[in-house]
Protein backbone atom coordinates (compact mmCIF):
# COMPACT_ATOMS: atom_id res chain seq x y z
CA MET A 1 -49.61 66.04 34.03
CA ALA A 2 -50.81 68.23 31.18
CA SER A 3 -54.50 68.94 30.85
CA GLY A 4 -56.25 66.41 28.64
CA GLU A 5 -53.46 63.85 28.95
CA LYS A 6 -54.66 60.25 29.17
CA VAL A 7 -54.13 58.52 32.50
CA SER A 8 -55.42 55.16 31.31
CA GLU A 9 -56.86 53.45 28.26
CA PHE A 10 -59.99 52.68 30.30
CA ILE A 11 -62.84 55.00 31.09
CA ARG A 12 -63.56 55.18 34.78
CA ARG A 13 -67.21 54.28 34.92
CA GLY A 14 -67.67 54.57 38.66
CA VAL A 15 -68.99 51.03 38.89
CA LYS A 16 -69.64 50.10 42.49
CA VAL A 17 -69.63 46.50 43.73
CA VAL A 18 -72.22 45.61 46.36
CA ALA A 19 -73.18 42.38 48.11
CA GLU A 20 -76.67 41.22 48.99
CA THR A 21 -78.25 38.09 50.43
CA THR A 22 -81.36 36.17 49.48
CA GLU A 23 -84.04 35.13 51.95
CA LYS A 24 -82.59 31.59 51.86
CA ALA A 25 -79.12 32.91 52.69
CA GLU A 26 -80.56 34.91 55.60
CA PHE A 27 -82.16 31.70 56.89
CA ASP A 28 -78.78 29.90 56.61
CA ILE A 29 -76.95 32.74 58.38
CA ARG A 30 -79.38 32.58 61.30
CA GLY A 31 -79.44 28.77 61.33
CA TYR A 32 -75.65 28.43 61.40
CA GLN A 33 -75.37 31.47 63.71
CA ILE A 34 -72.81 33.12 61.43
CA THR A 35 -71.64 36.34 63.02
CA ASP A 36 -71.94 39.77 61.40
CA ALA A 37 -68.14 39.98 61.43
CA ALA A 38 -67.84 36.70 59.51
CA MET A 39 -70.50 37.79 57.00
CA ASN A 40 -68.71 41.12 56.52
CA ARG A 41 -65.47 39.24 55.75
CA ILE A 42 -67.32 36.94 53.33
CA ALA A 43 -68.94 39.89 51.55
CA ALA A 44 -65.65 41.81 51.39
CA ARG A 45 -63.82 38.84 49.86
CA LEU A 46 -66.56 38.23 47.27
CA LYS A 47 -66.56 41.93 46.33
CA GLU A 48 -62.75 42.01 46.05
CA VAL A 49 -62.50 38.88 43.89
CA LEU A 50 -65.64 38.45 41.80
CA PHE A 51 -64.40 35.41 39.89
CA SER A 52 -61.85 33.24 41.66
CA PRO A 53 -60.05 30.32 40.03
CA ASP A 54 -60.93 28.44 43.23
CA ASP A 55 -64.68 28.83 42.58
CA ARG A 56 -66.58 25.67 41.76
CA VAL A 57 -69.08 26.57 39.06
CA VAL A 58 -72.53 25.11 38.36
CA GLY A 59 -74.24 27.07 35.57
CA ASP A 60 -74.25 30.72 36.64
CA LEU A 61 -73.71 29.84 40.30
CA ARG A 62 -70.32 29.94 41.92
CA ILE A 63 -69.37 28.11 45.11
CA ARG A 64 -66.47 29.37 47.18
CA GLU A 65 -65.37 28.14 50.58
CA LEU A 66 -65.07 31.12 52.92
CA GLU A 67 -65.05 31.24 56.71
CA GLY A 68 -65.63 27.48 56.79
CA TYR A 69 -68.82 27.57 54.66
CA ASP A 70 -69.63 26.83 51.05
CA VAL A 71 -70.92 30.20 49.86
CA VAL A 72 -73.18 29.81 46.82
CA HIS A 73 -73.35 33.11 44.93
CA PHE A 74 -73.83 34.72 41.56
CA VAL A 75 -72.69 37.98 40.01
CA GLY A 76 -74.80 40.37 37.94
CA ARG A 77 -75.34 44.00 37.01
CA ASP A 78 -77.98 46.37 38.29
CA GLY A 79 -77.62 49.66 36.48
CA ASP A 80 -74.26 51.11 37.42
CA ARG A 81 -73.61 48.50 40.12
CA ILE A 82 -72.14 45.01 40.09
CA VAL A 83 -74.15 42.90 42.53
CA VAL A 84 -72.78 39.79 44.22
CA THR A 85 -75.79 37.87 45.51
CA ILE A 86 -75.18 35.31 48.23
CA ALA A 87 -77.82 32.66 47.56
CA GLN A 88 -76.97 30.02 50.15
CA LEU A 89 -74.43 29.00 52.77
CA ARG A 90 -73.79 25.45 53.91
CA VAL A 91 -71.18 23.47 55.76
CA PRO A 92 -68.96 21.68 53.22
CA ASP A 93 -69.53 17.92 53.10
CA PRO A 94 -66.97 15.92 51.08
CA ASP A 95 -69.43 13.01 50.87
CA ASN A 96 -72.17 15.25 49.45
CA PRO A 97 -70.51 18.27 47.76
CA THR A 98 -72.58 21.39 47.24
CA GLU A 99 -72.02 21.33 43.48
CA ARG A 100 -73.42 17.78 43.26
CA ILE A 101 -76.56 18.91 45.10
CA LEU A 102 -76.96 21.91 42.79
CA GLU A 103 -76.48 19.77 39.68
CA LYS A 104 -79.20 17.37 40.88
CA LEU A 105 -81.63 20.20 41.62
CA GLY A 106 -81.41 21.65 38.14
CA ARG A 107 -81.42 25.28 37.02
CA ALA A 108 -85.11 26.04 37.63
CA ALA A 109 -85.04 24.87 41.24
CA ILE A 110 -81.75 26.64 41.89
CA PHE A 111 -83.06 29.93 40.47
CA ARG A 112 -86.29 29.75 42.47
CA GLY A 113 -84.43 28.91 45.64
CA ALA A 114 -81.77 31.57 45.14
CA THR A 115 -84.10 34.38 44.20
CA GLY A 116 -87.15 33.46 46.24
CA LEU A 117 -89.37 33.53 43.14
């Protein structure tokens, strides 16, 4: 390839994708006794596919079933990083779906619960 030749139309920005958990999510992980291996698989999947067509969406929150849990998460930017924040994990309940609970709580309660503010 000749010097200066374009490889792609896109600039490589070096954006890194990271996953984090909220205090509430840490409580859920301990409460459900979710293993480190399972959490690593959950984080890897969320980082690989930020927005899945299988996600159930309530406002800015996304719910994806992974490893047998409803994983409530949101995606944002922090400088040069994309951050996937796991806000909550719960066992799916067809009689009381996670998205129905989140809709009833409202945005303010969801934000406070997810961020710990």
